[in-house]
C-alpha atoms as a PDB file:
ATOM      1  CA  MET A   1       0.000   0.000   0.000  1.00  0.00           C
ATOM      2  CA  ALA A   2       1.387   3.418  -0.964  1.00  0.00           C
ATOM      3  CA  GLU A   3       2.099   5.768   1.869  1.00  0.00           C
ATOM      4  CA  THR A   4       0.235   9.054   1.844  1.00  0.00           C
ATOM      5  CA  SER A   5       2.509  12.016   2.342  1.00  0.00           C
ATOM      6  CA  TRP A   6       1.553  14.641   4.888  1.00  0.00           C
ATOM      7  CA  TRP A   7       0.998  17.276   2.174  1.00  0.00           C
ATOM      8  CA  ASN A   8      -1.495  15.069   0.292  1.00  0.00           C
ATOM      9  CA  ARG A   9      -3.834  14.426   3.216  1.00  0.00           C
ATOM     10  CA  GLY A  10      -7.222  16.049   3.252  1.00  0.00           C
ATOM     11  CA  GLY A  11      -8.213  15.963  -0.402  1.00  0.00           C
ATOM     12  CA  PRO A  12      -7.097  17.592  -3.596  1.00  0.00           C
ATOM     13  CA  GLN A  13      -4.390  20.210  -3.476  1.00  0.00           C
ATOM     14  CA  PRO A  14      -4.362  23.423  -5.485  1.00  0.00           C
ATOM     15  CA  PRO A  15      -2.099  23.360  -8.525  1.00  0.00           C
ATOM     16  CA  ALA A  16       1.446  24.475  -7.929  1.00  0.00           C
ATOM     17  CA  GLN A  17       1.994  28.142  -8.616  1.00  0.00           C
ATOM     18  CA  PRO A  18       4.770  28.970 -11.043  1.00  0.00           C
ATOM     19  CA  THR A  19       7.735  30.498  -9.303  1.00  0.00           C
ATOM     20  CA  GLN A  20       8.611  33.976 -10.410  1.00  0.00           C
ATOM     21  CA  ALA A  21      11.862  35.763 -10.030  1.00  0.00           C
ATOM     22  CA  PRO A  22      11.514  38.774  -7.752  1.00  0.00           C
ATOM     23  CA  ALA A  23      10.914  41.959  -9.669  1.00  0.00           C
ATOM     24  CA  ALA A  24      13.932  44.220  -9.882  1.00  0.00           C
ATOM     25  CA  GLN A  25      13.570  47.077  -7.470  1.00  0.00           C
ATOM     26  CA  ASP A  26      13.144  50.496  -8.891  1.00  0.00           C
ATOM     27  CA  LEU A  27      16.017  52.878  -8.440  1.00  0.00           C
ATOM     28  CA  PRO A  28      15.543  56.177  -6.616  1.00  0.00           C
ATOM     29  CA  PRO A  29      14.029  59.146  -8.454  1.00  0.00           C
ATOM     30  CA  ARG A  30      16.447  61.120 -10.641  1.00  0.00           C
ATOM     31  CA  VAL A  31      18.946  58.249 -10.916  1.00  0.00           C
ATOM     32  CA  VAL A  32      19.579  57.763 -14.630  1.00  0.00           C
ATOM     33  CA  ARG A  33      22.317  55.140 -14.392  1.00  0.00           C
ATOM     34  CA  SER A  34      21.314  51.496 -14.529  1.00  0.00           C
ATOM     35  CA  ARG A  35      21.471  49.090 -11.619  1.00  0.00           C
ATOM     36  CA  SER A  36      24.355  47.275 -13.339  1.00  0.00           C
ATOM     37  CA  GLU A  37      26.297  50.544 -13.772  1.00  0.00           C
ATOM     38  CA  LEU A  38      25.868  51.327 -10.076  1.00  0.00           C
ATOM     39  CA  GLU A  39      26.910  47.787  -9.107  1.00  0.00           C
ATOM     40  CA  LYS A  40      29.993  48.022 -11.336  1.00  0.00           C
ATOM     41  CA  LEU A  41      31.044  51.310  -9.726  1.00  0.00           C
ATOM     42  CA  ARG A  42      30.521  49.804  -6.247  1.00  0.00           C
ATOM     43  CA  ASP A  43      32.577  46.745  -7.183  1.00  0.00           C
ATOM     44  CA  ASP A  44      35.362  48.860  -8.722  1.00  0.00           C
ATOM     45  CA  ALA A  45      35.537  50.966  -5.553  1.00  0.00           C
ATOM     46  CA  LEU A  46      35.686  47.832  -3.387  1.00  0.00           C
ATOM     47  CA  ALA A  47      38.472  46.387  -5.546  1.00  0.00           C
ATOM     48  CA  SER A  48      40.363  49.703  -5.504  1.00  0.00           C
ATOM     49  CA  GLN A  49      40.578  49.615  -1.707  1.00  0.00           C
ATOM     50  CA  ALA A  50      43.319  46.978  -2.010  1.00  0.00           C
ATOM     51  CA  LEU A  51      45.452  49.147  -4.323  1.00  0.00           C
ATOM     52  CA  PRO A  52      48.137  51.577  -3.208  1.00  0.00           C
ATOM     53  CA  PRO A  53      46.586  55.083  -3.088  1.00  0.00           C
ATOM     54  CA  GLY A  54      48.594  56.273  -6.077  1.00  0.00           C
ATOM     55  CA  ASP A  55      47.158  53.476  -8.241  1.00  0.00           C
ATOM     56  CA  ALA A  56      43.516  54.440  -7.743  1.00  0.00           C
ATOM     57  CA  ARG A  57      41.945  55.617 -10.996  1.00  0.00           C
ATOM     58  CA  MET A  58      40.634  58.870  -9.532  1.00  0.00           C
ATOM     59  CA  ILE A  59      42.549  61.924 -10.713  1.00  0.00           C
ATOM     60  CA  TRP A  60      40.308  64.247  -8.692  1.00  0.00           C
ATOM     61  CA  VAL A  61      41.557  63.043  -5.309  1.00  0.00           C
ATOM     62  CA  SER A  62      44.952  63.346  -3.629  1.00  0.00           C
ATOM     63  CA  PRO A  63      46.634  60.124  -2.441  1.00  0.00           C
ATOM     64  CA  ASP A  64      45.900  60.940   1.208  1.00  0.00           C
ATOM     65  CA  GLY A  65      42.156  61.196   0.441  1.00  0.00           C
ATOM     66  CA  VAL A  66      41.749  58.020  -1.622  1.00  0.00           C
ATOM     67  CA  ALA A  67      40.556  55.803   1.251  1.00  0.00           C
ATOM     68  CA  SER A  68      37.865  58.307   2.290  1.00  0.00           C
ATOM     69  CA  ALA A  69      36.749  58.887  -1.301  1.00  0.00           C
ATOM     70  CA  LEU A  70      36.469  55.147  -1.982  1.00  0.00           C
ATOM     71  CA  GLU A  71      34.489  54.649   1.216  1.00  0.00           C
ATOM     72  CA  ALA A  72      32.126  57.431   0.100  1.00  0.00           C
ATOM     73  CA  ILE A  73      31.652  55.886  -3.344  1.00  0.00           C
ATOM     74  CA  ILE A  74      30.871  52.514  -1.768  1.00  0.00           C
ATOM     75  CA  HIS A  75      28.448  53.999   0.779  1.00  0.00           C
ATOM     76  CA  THR A  76      26.696  56.117  -1.835  1.00  0.00           C
ATOM     77  CA  THR A  77      26.287  53.368  -4.433  1.00  0.00           C
ATOM     78  CA  ARG A  78      25.066  50.923  -1.802  1.00  0.00           C
ATOM     79  CA  TRP A  79      22.564  53.520  -0.604  1.00  0.00           C
ATOM     80  CA  LEU A  80      21.353  54.140  -4.172  1.00  0.00           C
ATOM     81  CA  LEU A  81      21.031  50.377  -4.721  1.00  0.00           C
ATOM     82  CA  GLY A  82      19.063  49.855  -1.508  1.00  0.00           C
ATOM     83  CA  GLU A  83      21.876  47.853   0.123  1.00  0.00           C
ATOM     84  CA  ARG A  84      22.535  50.447   2.820  1.00  0.00           C
ATOM     85  CA  GLU A  85      19.902  52.066   4.994  1.00  0.00           C
ATOM     86  CA  GLN A  86      21.800  55.117   6.243  1.00  0.00           C
ATOM     87  CA  ALA A  87      22.284  58.004   3.869  1.00  0.00           C
ATOM     88  CA  PRO A  88      25.882  59.048   3.322  1.00  0.00           C
ATOM     89  CA  ILE A  89      26.952  62.035   5.437  1.00  0.00           C
ATOM     90  CA  SER A  90      23.682  62.613   7.365  1.00  0.00           C
ATOM     91  CA  ARG A  91      23.152  58.934   8.258  1.00  0.00           C
ATOM     92  CA  GLU A  92      19.394  59.553   8.090  1.00  0.00           C
ATOM     93  CA  LEU A  93      17.011  56.769   7.134  1.00  0.00           C
ATOM     94  CA  TYR A  94      14.622  57.021   4.199  1.00  0.00           C
ATOM     95  CA  ALA A  95      12.169  54.560   2.633  1.00  0.00           C
ATOM     96  CA  TYR A  96      13.701  52.932  -0.433  1.00  0.00           C
ATOM     97  CA  PRO A  97      13.470  53.793  -3.302  1.00  0.00           C
ATOM     98  CA  ASP A  98      12.120  57.239  -2.318  1.00  0.00           C
ATOM     99  CA  LEU A  99      15.527  58.660  -1.495  1.00  0.00           C
ATOM    100  CA  PRO A 100      16.229  62.415  -1.489  1.00  0.00           C
ATOM    101  CA  VAL A 101      19.169  62.137  -3.870  1.00  0.00           C
ATOM    102  CA  PRO A 102      19.540  65.902  -4.541  1.00  0.00           C
ATOM    103  CA  LEU A 103      19.535  66.575  -0.782  1.00  0.00           C
ATOM    104  CA  ILE A 104      22.507  64.238  -0.319  1.00  0.00           C
ATOM    105  CA  ARG A 105      24.416  66.196  -2.959  1.00  0.00           C
ATOM    106  CA  THR A 106      23.631  69.368  -0.989  1.00  0.00           C
ATOM    107  CA  HIS A 107      24.897  67.699   2.197  1.00  0.00           C
ATOM    108  CA  ALA A 108      28.127  66.853   0.388  1.00  0.00           C
ATOM    109  CA  GLU A 109      28.568  70.423  -0.824  1.00  0.00           C
ATOM    110  CA  ASP A 110      27.842  71.736   2.690  1.00  0.00           C
ATOM    111  CA  ALA A 111      30.553  69.446   4.060  1.00  0.00           C
ATOM    112  CA  ILE A 112      33.062  70.409   1.354  1.00  0.00           C
ATOM    113  CA  PHE A 113      32.611  74.126   1.979  1.00  0.00           C
ATOM    114  CA  GLY A 114      32.389  73.810   5.769  1.00  0.00           C
ATOM    115  CA  TYR A 115      28.814  75.044   6.148  1.00  0.00           C
ATOM    116  CA  LYS A 116      27.612  71.904   7.904  1.00  0.00           C
ATOM    117  CA  TRP A 117      28.727  68.333   8.589  1.00  0.00           C
ATOM    118  CA  THR A 118      32.156  69.511   9.731  1.00  0.00           C
ATOM    119  CA  ASP A 119      32.994  66.033  11.038  1.00  0.00           C
ATOM    120  CA  THR A 120      32.912  64.710   7.445  1.00  0.00           C
ATOM    121  CA  SER A 121      36.191  64.764   5.525  1.00  0.00           C
ATOM    122  CA  GLU A 122      36.365  66.816   2.363  1.00  0.00           C
ATOM    123  CA  TRP A 123      37.398  63.700   0.402  1.00  0.00           C
ATOM    124  CA  TYR A 124      34.474  61.656   1.701  1.00  0.00           C
ATOM    125  CA  ALA A 125      32.084  64.488   0.826  1.00  0.00           C
ATOM    126  CA  GLY A 126      33.726  64.786  -2.587  1.00  0.00           C
ATOM    127  CA  GLY A 127      33.199  61.083  -3.218  1.00  0.00           C
ATOM    128  CA  VAL A 128      29.533  61.368  -2.276  1.00  0.00           C
ATOM    129  CA  LYS A 129      29.064  64.429  -4.489  1.00  0.00           C
ATOM    130  CA  ARG A 130      30.802  62.899  -7.509  1.00  0.00           C
ATOM    131  CA  THR A 131      28.892  59.638  -7.151  1.00  0.00           C
ATOM    132  CA  VAL A 132      25.523  61.414  -6.941  1.00  0.00           C
ATOM    133  CA  GLN A 133      26.411  63.680  -9.880  1.00  0.00           C
ATOM    134  CA  TRP A 134      27.396  60.683 -11.999  1.00  0.00           C
ATOM    135  CA  ALA A 135      24.351  58.629 -10.969  1.00  0.00           C
ATOM    136  CA  THR A 136      21.938  61.434 -11.871  1.00  0.00           C
ATOM    137  CA  SER A 137      23.467  62.538 -15.178  1.00  0.00           C
ATOM    138  CA  ALA A 138      24.389  60.696 -18.337  1.00  0.00           C
ATOM    139  CA  ASP A 139      27.003  63.380 -19.059  1.00  0.00           C
ATOM    140  CA  GLU A 140      29.075  63.272 -15.844  1.00  0.00           C
ATOM    141  CA  GLU A 141      32.386  61.430 -15.606  1.00  0.00           C
ATOM    142  CA  ARG A 142      32.487  58.297 -13.531  1.00  0.00           C
ATOM    143  CA  PRO A 143      34.151  58.838 -10.118  1.00  0.00           C
ATOM    144  CA  ILE A 144      36.530  55.941 -10.822  1.00  0.00           C
ATOM    145  CA  PHE A 145      37.778  55.784 -14.377  1.00  0.00           C
ATOM    146  CA  GLU A 146      37.432  52.459 -16.151  1.00  0.00           C
END
């Protein structure tokens, strides 16, 4: 006699539902770069952390600011991808994907010019600003050259 499995007891079962891949999350408003472009920049910044500062492909940053700039690029791309909850610089929390991307650029500029966020390094703020500029414009140069 065939054994009845526990999931077959109690009568007919509904047909199996087809499994669907999760829908790709939308990116925040004003971000024009693709998810794959953002992921590539994040991955390049992570890989660049192992390089000597002079070998980083970022002509806009001095060697003593490379570590801070790379950290900013990683934090900002992860935030834009929904992988990080805290906004760069302010560390505020926002519901993804409704992120105030232009506000974060303003925070970066405030830190660079010393108006606010004085505990944030100029290089970190510069990395945030350049990442946001690049992510929101098809015409901006990538913060890390390919």
